[in-house]
Amino acid sequence: MAAKIFTDIEKECVWQWLALGFGPQQIVDFVSEDFGKKCTRQTIHDHLKNHAEKIAKLREEIKANLDCIPFARKEQRVAYLDRLAHRQFKKRGQEAEFRATLKQIAEEMGALVQKHELTGKDGKPIETRNMSPEDLSIYTQEELLAMRTIHETAHTRRNQPGTSEPES
């Protein structure tokens, strides 16, 4: 039975990797890198078959904690970045890459938000004008339709549930 070659901690890691959706060959590589042990894809398949209930439960726990994140397969990206940070950069003493990867993980998890300030020419405020209907006559019908679509899209997004902006 496959479980005999792993310690309890190693089994937990293999189960988590399976729950995160890593493939058997990836897990064989992880086991070799992390634990210095050799195993086969068949060993991992056996583990999946023999511990399917435990792995399914772990998968649901992971999903429950990450379901509020709208991006597909975010858990894969976060797990990959975690492995990259700790097993590649930290192990090799690449501190700058290690910190950058940890920052990227924080961004993926929504802990950091990138803010961008928009300005007009030469850093000045963006120029805006209120126009009367007569002033709009300088635009073609196509340009007016495009502006209307942009306005309606912005208005719809602003009024979606869960946004903090007031309706106009």
C-alpha atoms as a PDB file:
ATOM      1  CA  MET A   1       0.000   0.000   0.000  1.00  0.00           C
ATOM      2  CA  ALA A   2       1.281   3.467  -0.924  1.00  0.00           C
ATOM      3  CA  ALA A   3       0.701   5.012   2.496  1.00  0.00           C
ATOM      4  CA  LYS A   4       3.508   2.952   4.057  1.00  0.00           C
ATOM      5  CA  ILE A   5       6.257   4.875   2.288  1.00  0.00           C
ATOM      6  CA  PHE A   6       5.192   8.238   3.750  1.00  0.00           C
ATOM      7  CA  THR A   7       5.266   9.590   7.286  1.00  0.00           C
ATOM      8  CA  ASP A   8       2.045  11.171   8.587  1.00  0.00           C
ATOM      9  CA  ILE A   9       3.253  14.665   7.697  1.00  0.00           C
ATOM     10  CA  GLU A  10       4.280  13.558   4.213  1.00  0.00           C
ATOM     11  CA  LYS A  11       0.872  11.909   3.686  1.00  0.00           C
ATOM     12  CA  GLU A  12      -0.836  15.171   4.640  1.00  0.00           C
ATOM     13  CA  CYS A  13       1.291  17.039   2.085  1.00  0.00           C
ATOM     14  CA  VAL A  14       0.485  14.518  -0.651  1.00  0.00           C
ATOM     15  CA  TRP A  15      -3.224  14.730   0.183  1.00  0.00           C
ATOM     16  CA  GLN A  16      -3.103  18.538   0.058  1.00  0.00           C
ATOM     17  CA  TRP A  17      -1.327  18.493  -3.293  1.00  0.00           C
ATOM     18  CA  LEU A  18      -3.938  16.098  -4.638  1.00  0.00           C
ATOM     19  CA  ALA A  19      -6.727  18.270  -3.212  1.00  0.00           C
ATOM     20  CA  LEU A  20      -5.191  21.314  -4.913  1.00  0.00           C
ATOM     21  CA  GLY A  21      -5.374  19.481  -8.217  1.00  0.00           C
ATOM     22  CA  PHE A  22      -1.706  18.853  -8.899  1.00  0.00           C
ATOM     23  CA  GLY A  23      -1.059  15.967 -11.271  1.00  0.00           C
ATOM     24  CA  PRO A  24       0.630  12.716 -10.241  1.00  0.00           C
ATOM     25  CA  GLN A  25       3.917  13.563 -11.983  1.00  0.00           C
ATOM     26  CA  GLN A  26       4.055  16.966 -10.295  1.00  0.00           C
ATOM     27  CA  ILE A  27       3.519  15.305  -6.918  1.00  0.00           C
ATOM     28  CA  VAL A  28       6.218  12.702  -7.638  1.00  0.00           C
ATOM     29  CA  ASP A  29       8.571  15.622  -8.325  1.00  0.00           C
ATOM     30  CA  PHE A  30       7.452  17.446  -5.153  1.00  0.00           C
ATOM     31  CA  VAL A  31       8.032  14.329  -3.043  1.00  0.00           C
ATOM     32  CA  SER A  32      11.500  13.928  -4.509  1.00  0.00           C
ATOM     33  CA  GLU A  33      12.381  17.623  -3.967  1.00  0.00           C
ATOM     34  CA  ASP A  34      10.811  18.089  -0.558  1.00  0.00           C
ATOM     35  CA  PHE A  35      11.306  14.734   1.134  1.00  0.00           C
ATOM     36  CA  GLY A  36      14.167  13.206  -0.840  1.00  0.00           C
ATOM     37  CA  LYS A  37      12.071  10.108  -1.477  1.00  0.00           C
ATOM     38  CA  LYS A  38      11.337   8.308  -4.694  1.00  0.00           C
ATOM     39  CA  CYS A  39       7.852   7.244  -5.580  1.00  0.00           C
ATOM     40  CA  THR A  40       5.972   6.563  -8.785  1.00  0.00           C
ATOM     41  CA  ARG A  41       2.868   8.026 -10.369  1.00  0.00           C
ATOM     42  CA  GLN A  42       1.165   4.724  -9.564  1.00  0.00           C
ATOM     43  CA  THR A  43       1.941   5.322  -5.875  1.00  0.00           C
ATOM     44  CA  ILE A  44       0.189   8.682  -6.131  1.00  0.00           C
ATOM     45  CA  HIS A  45      -2.758   7.143  -8.025  1.00  0.00           C
ATOM     46  CA  ASP A  46      -3.055   4.518  -5.278  1.00  0.00           C
ATOM     47  CA  HIS A  47      -2.999   7.264  -2.677  1.00  0.00           C
ATOM     48  CA  LEU A  48      -5.788   9.072  -4.510  1.00  0.00           C
ATOM     49  CA  LYS A  49      -7.854   5.889  -4.715  1.00  0.00           C
ATOM     50  CA  ASN A  50      -7.251   4.753  -1.118  1.00  0.00           C
ATOM     51  CA  HIS A  51      -7.809   8.172   0.468  1.00  0.00           C
ATOM     52  CA  ALA A  52     -10.408   9.630  -1.888  1.00  0.00           C
ATOM     53  CA  GLU A  53     -12.774  10.633   0.916  1.00  0.00           C
ATOM     54  CA  LYS A  54     -10.070  12.500   2.869  1.00  0.00           C
ATOM     55  CA  ILE A  55      -8.833  14.240  -0.304  1.00  0.00           C
ATOM     56  CA  ALA A  56     -12.382  15.231  -1.290  1.00  0.00           C
ATOM     57  CA  LYS A  57     -12.921  16.707   2.188  1.00  0.00           C
ATOM     58  CA  LEU A  58      -9.675  18.682   1.913  1.00  0.00           C
ATOM     59  CA  ARG A  59     -10.670  19.896  -1.554  1.00  0.00           C
ATOM     60  CA  GLU A  60     -13.993  21.167  -0.172  1.00  0.00           C
ATOM     61  CA  GLU A  61     -12.227  22.930   2.720  1.00  0.00           C
ATOM     62  CA  ILE A  62      -9.882  24.625   0.273  1.00  0.00           C
ATOM     63  CA  LYS A  63     -12.782  25.641  -1.969  1.00  0.00           C
ATOM     64  CA  ALA A  64     -14.779  26.945   0.987  1.00  0.00           C
ATOM     65  CA  ASN A  65     -11.894  29.196   1.963  1.00  0.00           C
ATOM     66  CA  LEU A  66     -11.207  30.369  -1.582  1.00  0.00           C
ATOM     67  CA  ASP A  67     -14.717  30.488  -3.081  1.00  0.00           C
ATOM     68  CA  CYS A  68     -15.073  34.170  -2.293  1.00  0.00           C
ATOM     69  CA  ILE A  69     -12.284  34.801  -4.807  1.00  0.00           C
ATOM     70  CA  PRO A  70     -13.780  35.150  -8.270  1.00  0.00           C
ATOM     71  CA  PHE A  71     -10.768  34.022 -10.286  1.00  0.00           C
ATOM     72  CA  ALA A  72     -10.728  30.447 -11.527  1.00  0.00           C
ATOM     73  CA  ARG A  73      -8.050  28.173 -10.075  1.00  0.00           C
ATOM     74  CA  LYS A  74      -6.643  30.823  -7.764  1.00  0.00           C
ATOM     75  CA  GLU A  75      -5.639  28.075  -5.337  1.00  0.00           C
ATOM     76  CA  GLN A  76      -3.362  26.646  -8.031  1.00  0.00           C
ATOM     77  CA  ARG A  77      -1.629  29.981  -8.565  1.00  0.00           C
ATOM     78  CA  VAL A  78      -1.206  30.617  -4.859  1.00  0.00           C
ATOM     79  CA  ALA A  79       0.126  27.100  -4.223  1.00  0.00           C
ATOM     80  CA  TYR A  80       2.555  27.438  -7.127  1.00  0.00           C
ATOM     81  CA  LEU A  81       3.784  30.836  -5.924  1.00  0.00           C
ATOM     82  CA  ASP A  82       4.197  29.477  -2.395  1.00  0.00           C
ATOM     83  CA  ARG A  83       6.289  26.583  -3.653  1.00  0.00           C
ATOM     84  CA  LEU A  84       8.321  28.892  -5.858  1.00  0.00           C
ATOM     85  CA  ALA A  85       8.980  31.327  -3.035  1.00  0.00           C
ATOM     86  CA  HIS A  86       9.970  28.813  -0.389  1.00  0.00           C
ATOM     87  CA  ARG A  87      11.579  26.036  -2.365  1.00  0.00           C
ATOM     88  CA  GLN A  88      13.341  27.986  -5.078  1.00  0.00           C
ATOM     89  CA  PHE A  89      14.115  31.520  -4.003  1.00  0.00           C
ATOM     90  CA  LYS A  90      14.487  31.151  -0.232  1.00  0.00           C
ATOM     91  CA  LYS A  91      16.494  27.945  -0.547  1.00  0.00           C
ATOM     92  CA  ARG A  92      18.885  29.642  -2.976  1.00  0.00           C
ATOM     93  CA  GLY A  93      19.120  32.851  -0.950  1.00  0.00           C
ATOM     94  CA  GLN A  94      17.426  34.974  -3.611  1.00  0.00           C
ATOM     95  CA  GLU A  95      15.853  37.374  -1.135  1.00  0.00           C
ATOM     96  CA  ALA A  96      14.597  39.954  -3.662  1.00  0.00           C
ATOM     97  CA  GLU A  97      12.777  37.294  -5.697  1.00  0.00           C
ATOM     98  CA  PHE A  98      11.483  35.713  -2.490  1.00  0.00           C
ATOM     99  CA  ARG A  99       9.979  39.019  -1.282  1.00  0.00           C
ATOM    100  CA  ALA A 100       8.539  39.790  -4.729  1.00  0.00           C
ATOM    101  CA  THR A 101       6.850  36.381  -4.833  1.00  0.00           C
ATOM    102  CA  LEU A 102       5.406  36.830  -1.328  1.00  0.00           C
ATOM    103  CA  LYS A 103       4.058  40.213  -2.454  1.00  0.00           C
ATOM    104  CA  GLN A 104       2.473  38.549  -5.488  1.00  0.00           C
ATOM    105  CA  ILE A 105       0.821  35.948  -3.214  1.00  0.00           C
ATOM    106  CA  ALA A 106      -0.577  38.757  -1.054  1.00  0.00           C
ATOM    107  CA  GLU A 107      -1.941  40.444  -4.180  1.00  0.00           C
ATOM    108  CA  GLU A 108      -3.534  37.179  -5.355  1.00  0.00           C
ATOM    109  CA  MET A 109      -5.232  36.778  -1.988  1.00  0.00           C
ATOM    110  CA  GLY A 110      -6.486  40.376  -2.036  1.00  0.00           C
ATOM    111  CA  ALA A 111      -4.325  41.542   0.863  1.00  0.00           C
ATOM    112  CA  LEU A 112      -2.619  44.159  -1.325  1.00  0.00           C
ATOM    113  CA  VAL A 113      -4.376  46.393  -3.782  1.00  0.00           C
ATOM    114  CA  GLN A 114      -2.535  48.161  -6.557  1.00  0.00           C
ATOM    115  CA  LYS A 115      -3.716  51.759  -6.843  1.00  0.00           C
ATOM    116  CA  HIS A 116      -3.240  53.776 -10.009  1.00  0.00           C
ATOM    117  CA  GLU A 117      -3.698  57.523 -10.209  1.00  0.00           C
ATOM    118  CA  LEU A 118      -4.920  58.898 -13.493  1.00  0.00           C
ATOM    119  CA  THR A 119      -3.856  62.377 -14.495  1.00  0.00           C
ATOM    120  CA  GLY A 120      -4.079  64.580 -17.512  1.00  0.00           C
ATOM    121  CA  LYS A 121      -1.224  65.966 -19.598  1.00  0.00           C
ATOM    122  CA  ASP A 122       1.938  66.787 -17.597  1.00  0.00           C
ATOM    123  CA  GLY A 123       0.403  65.460 -14.355  1.00  0.00           C
ATOM    124  CA  LYS A 124      -2.366  68.044 -14.351  1.00  0.00           C
ATOM    125  CA  PRO A 125      -6.005  67.135 -13.618  1.00  0.00           C
ATOM    126  CA  ILE A 126      -7.958  65.479 -16.392  1.00  0.00           C
ATOM    127  CA  GLU A 127      -9.864  68.125 -18.276  1.00  0.00           C
ATOM    128  CA  THR A 128     -13.646  67.721 -18.222  1.00  0.00           C
ATOM    129  CA  ARG A 129     -16.472  69.829 -19.636  1.00  0.00           C
ATOM    130  CA  ASN A 130     -20.186  69.951 -19.100  1.00  0.00           C
ATOM    131  CA  MET A 131     -21.792  70.326 -22.505  1.00  0.00           C
ATOM    132  CA  SER A 132     -25.211  71.477 -23.500  1.00  0.00           C
ATOM    133  CA  PRO A 133     -27.125  69.479 -26.145  1.00  0.00           C
ATOM    134  CA  GLU A 134     -26.140  72.081 -28.745  1.00  0.00           C
ATOM    135  CA  ASP A 135     -22.452  71.473 -28.013  1.00  0.00           C
ATOM    136  CA  LEU A 136     -22.907  67.755 -28.730  1.00  0.00           C
ATOM    137  CA  SER A 137     -23.651  68.545 -32.371  1.00  0.00           C
ATOM    138  CA  ILE A 138     -19.915  68.456 -33.115  1.00  0.00           C
ATOM    139  CA  TYR A 139     -19.950  64.658 -32.617  1.00  0.00           C
ATOM    140  CA  THR A 140     -21.025  62.072 -35.177  1.00  0.00           C
ATOM    141  CA  GLN A 141     -23.878  59.671 -34.471  1.00  0.00           C
ATOM    142  CA  GLU A 142     -21.323  56.848 -34.005  1.00  0.00           C
ATOM    143  CA  GLU A 143     -19.362  58.849 -31.418  1.00  0.00           C
ATOM    144  CA  LEU A 144     -22.536  59.701 -29.521  1.00  0.00           C
ATOM    145  CA  LEU A 145     -23.592  56.036 -29.457  1.00  0.00           C
ATOM    146  CA  ALA A 146     -20.141  55.035 -28.197  1.00  0.00           C
ATOM    147  CA  MET A 147     -20.325  57.649 -25.422  1.00  0.00           C
ATOM    148  CA  ARG A 148     -23.806  56.468 -24.463  1.00  0.00           C
ATOM    149  CA  THR A 149     -22.614  52.836 -24.262  1.00  0.00           C
ATOM    150  CA  ILE A 150     -19.671  53.853 -22.073  1.00  0.00           C
ATOM    151  CA  HIS A 151     -21.958  55.868 -19.795  1.00  0.00           C
ATOM    152  CA  GLU A 152     -24.506  53.039 -19.461  1.00  0.00           C
ATOM    153  CA  THR A 153     -21.772  50.474 -18.747  1.00  0.00           C
ATOM    154  CA  ALA A 154     -20.242  52.671 -16.053  1.00  0.00           C
ATOM    155  CA  HIS A 155     -23.666  53.370 -14.540  1.00  0.00           C
ATOM    156  CA  THR A 156     -24.547  49.639 -14.498  1.00  0.00           C
ATOM    157  CA  ARG A 157     -21.275  48.683 -12.806  1.00  0.00           C
ATOM    158  CA  ARG A 158     -21.579  51.439 -10.252  1.00  0.00           C
ATOM    159  CA  ASN A 159     -25.075  50.282  -9.261  1.00  0.00           C
ATOM    160  CA  GLN A 160     -24.315  46.578  -8.939  1.00  0.00           C
ATOM    161  CA  PRO A 161     -24.890  45.035  -5.496  1.00  0.00           C
ATOM    162  CA  GLY A 162     -21.823  45.038  -3.286  1.00  0.00           C
ATOM    163  CA  THR A 163     -20.389  48.309  -4.566  1.00  0.00           C
ATOM    164  CA  SER A 164     -19.956  51.189  -2.188  1.00  0.00           C
ATOM    165  CA  GLU A 165     -20.498  53.988  -4.696  1.00  0.00           C
ATOM    166  CA  PRO A 166     -23.811  55.841  -4.495  1.00  0.00           C
ATOM    167  CA  GLU A 167     -26.243  55.870  -7.365  1.00  0.00           C
ATOM    168  CA  SER A 168     -26.306  59.000  -9.499  1.00  0.00           C
END
